[in-house]
Every structure is written in structure tokens, then in C-alpha cells.
């Protein structure tokens, strides 16, 4: 079993910054990719950013404003969000693709953290 713990959400004014963290623990053999998704009210969940072995990808809406990074020693992924806009308001979820100690690959999701940006 793998557990994910997210932190760092909150409320900020437009133009502000927030940093999200997501720490994975449990029966982890390796982490193949880590990413952040978000879901605004009435909308589908969408990819924000993903980081894997040697690559990062961002949605066009956050390029140049958000930065994803990971600390392999801590099994933690971060999302630094700068120049926040009201349209960034959503629940943010981390997703981790894990190979377990039994050599099975699974996707795990965090519990979600609210980000609210006011104008």
C-alpha cells in the first residue's frame, strides 16, 4: 500500500504564489512519474504538470508560471505556482505512478488540496 500526503494549498490574491507538496510513502520500489492535476467546480480534472525520468511537461495554461520538481530521496513532488490567476482556482491533486515492492505498477492519488485565487 502507498499513501500520499498533500500540503500547501490555501487562498491568495492574484499575482501571488503558493507551493504544493506531495509526499509518498509505503511499499514503494520505485516512482516512475509524479504529477499534479486540478479540478475546478463543474469542470473535468485536467493535467497541470508531470515529471518523470528525464522529462517534465506542463499544460499550456501554466507554462512559465508553474514549476514542478521532485526530491527522490524524500519521494516528494512539489509544484511552485507563481503569478497565480483566478482561473487557477481548483482542487489540486497529486498523482504518483509507483512500482511497488511486489513489482506491480499502480497509480495513486492524493486527497486533494484547495487553491483559491481572488482577483
N, C-alpha and C. Protein backbone atom coordinates (compact mmCIF):
# COMPACT_ATOMS: atom_id res chain seq x y z
N UNK A 1 0.85 -1.20 0.00
CA UNK A 1 0.00 0.00 0.00
C UNK A 1 0.88 1.24 0.00
N UNK A 2 0.41 2.26 -0.70
CA UNK A 2 1.13 3.53 -0.80
C UNK A 2 0.21 4.65 -0.35
N UNK A 3 0.76 5.56 0.44
CA UNK A 3 0.00 6.70 0.91
C UNK A 3 0.62 7.98 0.36
N UNK A 4 -0.25 8.93 0.02
CA UNK A 4 0.18 10.24 -0.44
C UNK A 4 -0.38 11.30 0.50
N UNK A 5 0.45 12.22 0.89
CA UNK A 5 0.01 13.32 1.76
C UNK A 5 0.35 14.63 1.07
N UNK A 6 -0.69 15.39 0.79
CA UNK A 6 -0.53 16.69 0.13
C UNK A 6 -0.57 17.81 1.17
N UNK A 7 0.11 18.89 0.85
CA UNK A 7 0.04 20.08 1.69
C UNK A 7 0.37 21.31 0.86
N UNK A 8 0.03 22.48 1.40
CA UNK A 8 0.45 23.72 0.77
C UNK A 8 -0.64 24.53 0.10
N UNK A 9 -1.85 24.04 0.04
CA UNK A 9 -2.90 24.83 -0.58
C UNK A 9 -3.29 26.01 0.29
N UNK A 10 -4.17 26.85 -0.24
CA UNK A 10 -4.62 28.00 0.53
C UNK A 10 -5.25 29.04 -0.37
N UNK A 11 -5.40 30.23 0.19
CA UNK A 11 -6.02 31.34 -0.53
C UNK A 11 -5.00 32.46 -0.71
N UNK A 12 -4.92 32.97 -1.92
CA UNK A 12 -4.02 34.08 -2.22
C UNK A 12 -4.70 35.04 -3.17
N UNK A 13 -4.17 36.22 -3.27
CA UNK A 13 -4.66 37.19 -4.26
C UNK A 13 -3.96 36.94 -5.59
N UNK A 14 -4.59 37.40 -6.64
CA UNK A 14 -3.99 37.27 -7.97
C UNK A 14 -2.60 37.87 -7.98
N UNK A 15 -1.69 37.16 -8.63
CA UNK A 15 -0.30 37.58 -8.67
C UNK A 15 0.56 36.96 -7.59
N UNK A 16 -0.09 36.31 -6.64
CA UNK A 16 0.64 35.70 -5.54
C UNK A 16 1.20 34.34 -5.90
N UNK A 17 1.79 33.69 -4.89
CA UNK A 17 2.45 32.40 -5.09
C UNK A 17 2.03 31.42 -4.01
N UNK A 18 2.05 30.16 -4.38
CA UNK A 18 1.86 29.06 -3.45
C UNK A 18 2.76 27.92 -3.87
N UNK A 19 3.12 27.06 -2.90
CA UNK A 19 3.91 25.88 -3.19
C UNK A 19 3.20 24.67 -2.61
N UNK A 20 2.90 23.72 -3.49
CA UNK A 20 2.26 22.48 -3.08
C UNK A 20 3.31 21.39 -2.92
N UNK A 21 3.06 20.50 -1.97
CA UNK A 21 3.94 19.34 -1.76
C UNK A 21 3.10 18.08 -1.71
N UNK A 22 3.69 16.99 -2.14
CA UNK A 22 3.02 15.69 -2.07
C UNK A 22 4.08 14.64 -1.76
N UNK A 23 3.96 14.03 -0.60
CA UNK A 23 4.94 13.04 -0.14
C UNK A 23 4.33 11.65 -0.23
N UNK A 24 5.07 10.74 -0.84
CA UNK A 24 4.63 9.35 -0.98
C UNK A 24 5.39 8.47 0.01
N UNK A 25 4.66 7.51 0.56
CA UNK A 25 5.30 6.56 1.48
C UNK A 25 4.61 5.20 1.38
N UNK A 26 5.30 4.17 1.86
CA UNK A 26 4.71 2.84 1.84
C UNK A 26 5.55 1.87 1.04
N UNK A 27 4.88 0.93 0.39
CA UNK A 27 5.55 -0.17 -0.31
C UNK A 27 6.01 0.26 -1.70
N UNK A 28 7.00 1.13 -1.70
CA UNK A 28 7.49 1.71 -2.95
C UNK A 28 8.81 1.08 -3.34
N UNK A 29 8.85 0.48 -4.54
CA UNK A 29 10.12 0.03 -5.09
C UNK A 29 10.75 1.15 -5.90
N UNK A 30 9.93 1.80 -6.72
CA UNK A 30 10.41 2.95 -7.47
C UNK A 30 9.21 3.81 -7.85
N UNK A 31 9.50 5.08 -8.07
CA UNK A 31 8.47 6.02 -8.54
C UNK A 31 8.78 6.36 -9.98
N UNK A 32 7.85 6.08 -10.85
CA UNK A 32 8.09 6.25 -12.28
C UNK A 32 7.75 7.65 -12.78
N UNK A 33 6.73 8.24 -12.22
CA UNK A 33 6.35 9.59 -12.60
C UNK A 33 5.51 10.19 -11.48
N UNK A 34 5.55 11.51 -11.41
CA UNK A 34 4.77 12.24 -10.41
C UNK A 34 4.14 13.43 -11.11
N UNK A 35 2.91 13.73 -10.75
CA UNK A 35 2.27 14.83 -11.45
C UNK A 35 1.22 15.52 -10.61
N UNK A 36 0.77 16.64 -11.11
CA UNK A 36 -0.29 17.42 -10.48
C UNK A 36 -1.43 17.60 -11.46
N UNK A 37 -2.63 17.42 -10.97
CA UNK A 37 -3.86 17.64 -11.72
C UNK A 37 -4.70 18.63 -10.91
N UNK A 38 -5.68 19.21 -11.58
CA UNK A 38 -6.60 20.08 -10.86
C UNK A 38 -8.01 19.93 -11.41
N UNK A 39 -8.96 20.23 -10.56
CA UNK A 39 -10.37 20.16 -10.95
C UNK A 39 -11.10 21.34 -10.37
N UNK A 40 -11.61 22.17 -11.26
CA UNK A 40 -12.41 23.33 -10.86
C UNK A 40 -13.88 22.91 -10.82
N UNK A 41 -14.70 23.63 -10.07
CA UNK A 41 -16.12 23.28 -9.98
C UNK A 41 -16.77 23.21 -11.36
N UNK A 42 -17.46 22.12 -11.61
CA UNK A 42 -18.17 21.97 -12.87
C UNK A 42 -17.30 21.61 -14.06
N UNK A 43 -16.02 21.37 -13.81
CA UNK A 43 -15.10 21.04 -14.90
C UNK A 43 -14.45 19.68 -14.65
N UNK A 44 -13.91 19.14 -15.74
CA UNK A 44 -13.21 17.87 -15.63
C UNK A 44 -11.82 18.08 -15.03
N UNK A 45 -11.31 17.01 -14.43
CA UNK A 45 -9.95 17.06 -13.90
C UNK A 45 -8.98 17.17 -15.08
N UNK A 46 -7.99 18.04 -14.94
CA UNK A 46 -7.04 18.25 -16.02
C UNK A 46 -5.60 18.17 -15.51
N UNK A 47 -4.73 17.78 -16.41
CA UNK A 47 -3.30 17.72 -16.08
C UNK A 47 -2.74 19.13 -15.97
N UNK A 48 -1.95 19.35 -14.93
CA UNK A 48 -1.25 20.62 -14.76
C UNK A 48 0.21 20.47 -15.14
N UNK A 49 0.87 19.46 -14.54
CA UNK A 49 2.29 19.25 -14.81
C UNK A 49 2.66 17.83 -14.40
N UNK A 50 3.66 17.29 -15.07
CA UNK A 50 4.13 15.95 -14.76
C UNK A 50 5.65 15.93 -14.87
N UNK A 51 6.28 15.12 -14.02
CA UNK A 51 7.73 14.96 -14.06
C UNK A 51 8.06 13.48 -13.97
N UNK A 52 8.92 13.06 -14.91
CA UNK A 52 9.33 11.66 -14.92
C UNK A 52 10.84 11.57 -14.97
N UNK A 53 11.31 10.43 -15.44
CA UNK A 53 12.76 10.26 -15.55
C UNK A 53 13.25 11.01 -16.79
N UNK A 54 13.74 12.20 -16.56
CA UNK A 54 14.32 12.96 -17.66
C UNK A 54 13.36 13.84 -18.44
N UNK A 55 12.15 14.01 -17.95
CA UNK A 55 11.22 14.89 -18.66
C UNK A 55 10.29 15.59 -17.70
N UNK A 56 9.82 16.74 -18.16
CA UNK A 56 8.74 17.45 -17.50
C UNK A 56 7.79 17.96 -18.58
N UNK A 57 6.51 18.00 -18.27
CA UNK A 57 5.52 18.55 -19.18
C UNK A 57 4.55 19.43 -18.41
N UNK A 58 4.10 20.47 -19.06
CA UNK A 58 3.17 21.41 -18.44
C UNK A 58 2.00 21.64 -19.38
N UNK A 59 0.87 21.93 -18.79
CA UNK A 59 -0.24 22.39 -19.62
C UNK A 59 0.08 23.79 -20.11
N UNK A 60 -0.47 24.14 -21.25
CA UNK A 60 -0.19 25.46 -21.81
C UNK A 60 -0.62 26.58 -20.88
N UNK A 61 -1.66 26.34 -20.10
CA UNK A 61 -2.21 27.40 -19.25
C UNK A 61 -1.29 27.77 -18.08
N UNK A 62 -0.31 26.91 -17.77
CA UNK A 62 0.55 27.20 -16.62
C UNK A 62 2.02 27.36 -17.01
N UNK A 63 2.35 27.12 -18.26
CA UNK A 63 3.74 27.25 -18.69
C UNK A 63 4.29 28.63 -18.38
N UNK A 64 5.48 28.65 -17.82
CA UNK A 64 6.13 29.91 -17.49
C UNK A 64 5.73 30.47 -16.14
N UNK A 65 4.70 29.88 -15.52
CA UNK A 65 4.26 30.35 -14.20
C UNK A 65 4.44 29.29 -13.11
N UNK A 66 4.26 28.03 -13.47
CA UNK A 66 4.37 26.93 -12.52
C UNK A 66 5.63 26.13 -12.80
N UNK A 67 6.21 25.58 -11.74
CA UNK A 67 7.38 24.72 -11.87
C UNK A 67 7.19 23.47 -11.04
N UNK A 68 7.33 22.31 -11.68
CA UNK A 68 7.25 21.04 -10.97
C UNK A 68 8.66 20.53 -10.71
N UNK A 69 8.85 19.95 -9.53
CA UNK A 69 10.14 19.38 -9.18
C UNK A 69 9.92 18.20 -8.25
N UNK A 70 10.96 17.40 -8.06
CA UNK A 70 10.83 16.25 -7.18
C UNK A 70 12.12 16.05 -6.39
N UNK A 71 11.94 15.52 -5.20
CA UNK A 71 13.06 15.14 -4.35
C UNK A 71 13.00 13.62 -4.23
N UNK A 72 13.84 12.93 -4.95
CA UNK A 72 13.78 11.47 -4.99
C UNK A 72 14.08 10.85 -3.62
N UNK A 73 14.96 11.47 -2.86
CA UNK A 73 15.31 10.93 -1.55
C UNK A 73 14.11 10.95 -0.60
N UNK A 74 13.22 11.92 -0.82
CA UNK A 74 12.05 12.06 0.05
C UNK A 74 10.77 11.57 -0.61
N UNK A 75 10.87 11.05 -1.83
CA UNK A 75 9.67 10.61 -2.58
C UNK A 75 8.61 11.72 -2.58
N UNK A 76 9.04 12.92 -2.84
CA UNK A 76 8.16 14.07 -2.76
C UNK A 76 8.19 14.86 -4.06
N UNK A 77 7.02 15.32 -4.47
CA UNK A 77 6.90 16.18 -5.64
C UNK A 77 6.36 17.53 -5.19
N UNK A 78 6.85 18.57 -5.82
CA UNK A 78 6.47 19.93 -5.49
C UNK A 78 5.87 20.62 -6.72
N UNK A 79 5.02 21.60 -6.46
CA UNK A 79 4.52 22.45 -7.53
C UNK A 79 4.62 23.88 -7.04
N UNK A 80 5.56 24.61 -7.58
CA UNK A 80 5.70 26.03 -7.27
C UNK A 80 4.82 26.81 -8.23
N UNK A 81 3.88 27.54 -7.68
CA UNK A 81 2.91 28.27 -8.50
C UNK A 81 3.11 29.76 -8.29
N UNK A 82 3.53 30.44 -9.32
CA UNK A 82 3.74 31.89 -9.28
C UNK A 82 2.75 32.60 -10.20
N UNK A 83 2.62 33.89 -10.01
CA UNK A 83 1.72 34.71 -10.86
C UNK A 83 0.35 34.06 -10.96
N UNK A 84 -0.19 33.67 -9.83
CA UNK A 84 -1.47 32.97 -9.82
C UNK A 84 -2.59 33.86 -10.34
N UNK A 85 -3.55 33.22 -11.02
CA UNK A 85 -4.70 33.90 -11.59
C UNK A 85 -5.97 33.31 -11.00
N UNK A 86 -7.05 34.05 -11.02
CA UNK A 86 -8.32 33.50 -10.50
C UNK A 86 -8.71 32.18 -11.19
N UNK A 87 -8.36 32.04 -12.45
CA UNK A 87 -8.71 30.80 -13.16
C UNK A 87 -7.87 29.60 -12.73
N UNK A 88 -6.89 29.82 -11.87
CA UNK A 88 -6.14 28.70 -11.30
C UNK A 88 -6.87 28.10 -10.10
N UNK A 89 -7.94 28.72 -9.68
CA UNK A 89 -8.71 28.22 -8.54
C UNK A 89 -9.25 26.83 -8.84
N UNK A 90 -8.93 25.88 -7.96
CA UNK A 90 -9.34 24.49 -8.17
C UNK A 90 -8.87 23.67 -6.98
N UNK A 91 -9.32 22.42 -6.95
CA UNK A 91 -8.72 21.44 -6.05
C UNK A 91 -7.57 20.78 -6.82
N UNK A 92 -6.41 20.79 -6.22
CA UNK A 92 -5.22 20.22 -6.85
C UNK A 92 -4.93 18.84 -6.25
N UNK A 93 -4.70 17.89 -7.16
CA UNK A 93 -4.44 16.51 -6.76
C UNK A 93 -3.06 16.08 -7.27
N UNK A 94 -2.31 15.41 -6.44
CA UNK A 94 -1.09 14.81 -6.96
C UNK A 94 -1.39 13.37 -7.35
N UNK A 95 -0.65 12.91 -8.34
CA UNK A 95 -0.76 11.54 -8.82
C UNK A 95 0.65 10.97 -8.94
N UNK A 96 0.83 9.78 -8.44
CA UNK A 96 2.14 9.15 -8.47
C UNK A 96 2.01 7.77 -9.10
N UNK A 97 2.87 7.49 -10.06
CA UNK A 97 2.91 6.17 -10.70
C UNK A 97 4.04 5.39 -10.03
N UNK A 98 3.65 4.34 -9.35
CA UNK A 98 4.59 3.62 -8.47
C UNK A 98 4.75 2.18 -8.92
N UNK A 99 5.97 1.69 -8.88
CA UNK A 99 6.22 0.25 -8.92
C UNK A 99 6.40 -0.19 -7.48
N UNK A 100 5.53 -1.08 -7.04
CA UNK A 100 5.56 -1.49 -5.64
C UNK A 100 6.68 -2.50 -5.38
N UNK A 101 6.83 -2.83 -4.12
CA UNK A 101 7.84 -3.81 -3.74
C UNK A 101 7.49 -5.20 -4.24
N UNK A 102 6.27 -5.38 -4.74
CA UNK A 102 5.87 -6.64 -5.38
C UNK A 102 5.92 -6.52 -6.89
N UNK A 103 6.55 -5.41 -7.37
CA UNK A 103 6.79 -5.20 -8.80
C UNK A 103 5.52 -5.07 -9.62
N UNK A 104 4.50 -4.48 -9.01
CA UNK A 104 3.30 -4.12 -9.73
C UNK A 104 3.28 -2.60 -9.89
N UNK A 105 2.76 -2.12 -11.01
CA UNK A 105 2.68 -0.68 -11.23
C UNK A 105 1.25 -0.21 -11.00
N UNK A 106 1.13 0.82 -10.19
CA UNK A 106 -0.18 1.39 -9.87
C UNK A 106 -0.12 2.91 -9.91
N UNK A 107 -1.27 3.51 -10.13
CA UNK A 107 -1.44 4.96 -9.97
C UNK A 107 -2.05 5.22 -8.60
N UNK A 108 -1.50 6.18 -7.90
CA UNK A 108 -2.06 6.59 -6.61
C UNK A 108 -2.36 8.08 -6.66
N UNK A 109 -3.45 8.46 -6.01
CA UNK A 109 -3.89 9.84 -5.98
C UNK A 109 -3.86 10.39 -4.56
N UNK A 110 -3.49 11.66 -4.44
CA UNK A 110 -3.59 12.35 -3.17
C UNK A 110 -5.02 12.74 -2.87
N UNK A 111 -5.23 13.27 -1.68
CA UNK A 111 -6.58 13.58 -1.22
C UNK A 111 -7.09 14.91 -1.78
N UNK A 112 -6.21 15.69 -2.35
CA UNK A 112 -6.61 16.98 -2.92
C UNK A 112 -6.39 18.12 -1.94
N UNK A 113 -5.99 19.25 -2.47
CA UNK A 113 -5.82 20.44 -1.65
C UNK A 113 -6.39 21.64 -2.41
N UNK A 114 -7.14 22.46 -1.71
CA UNK A 114 -7.83 23.58 -2.35
C UNK A 114 -6.88 24.75 -2.56
N UNK A 115 -6.91 25.29 -3.76
CA UNK A 115 -6.20 26.53 -4.09
C UNK A 115 -7.25 27.54 -4.56
N UNK A 116 -7.31 28.68 -3.89
CA UNK A 116 -8.27 29.72 -4.24
C UNK A 116 -7.51 31.01 -4.50
N UNK A 117 -7.74 31.58 -5.69
CA UNK A 117 -7.08 32.81 -6.08
C UNK A 117 -8.15 33.88 -6.29
N UNK A 118 -8.06 34.94 -5.53
CA UNK A 118 -9.04 36.02 -5.63
C UNK A 118 -8.49 37.18 -6.47
N UNK A 119 -9.39 37.86 -7.13
CA UNK A 119 -8.98 38.97 -8.00
C UNK A 119 -8.91 40.28 -7.23
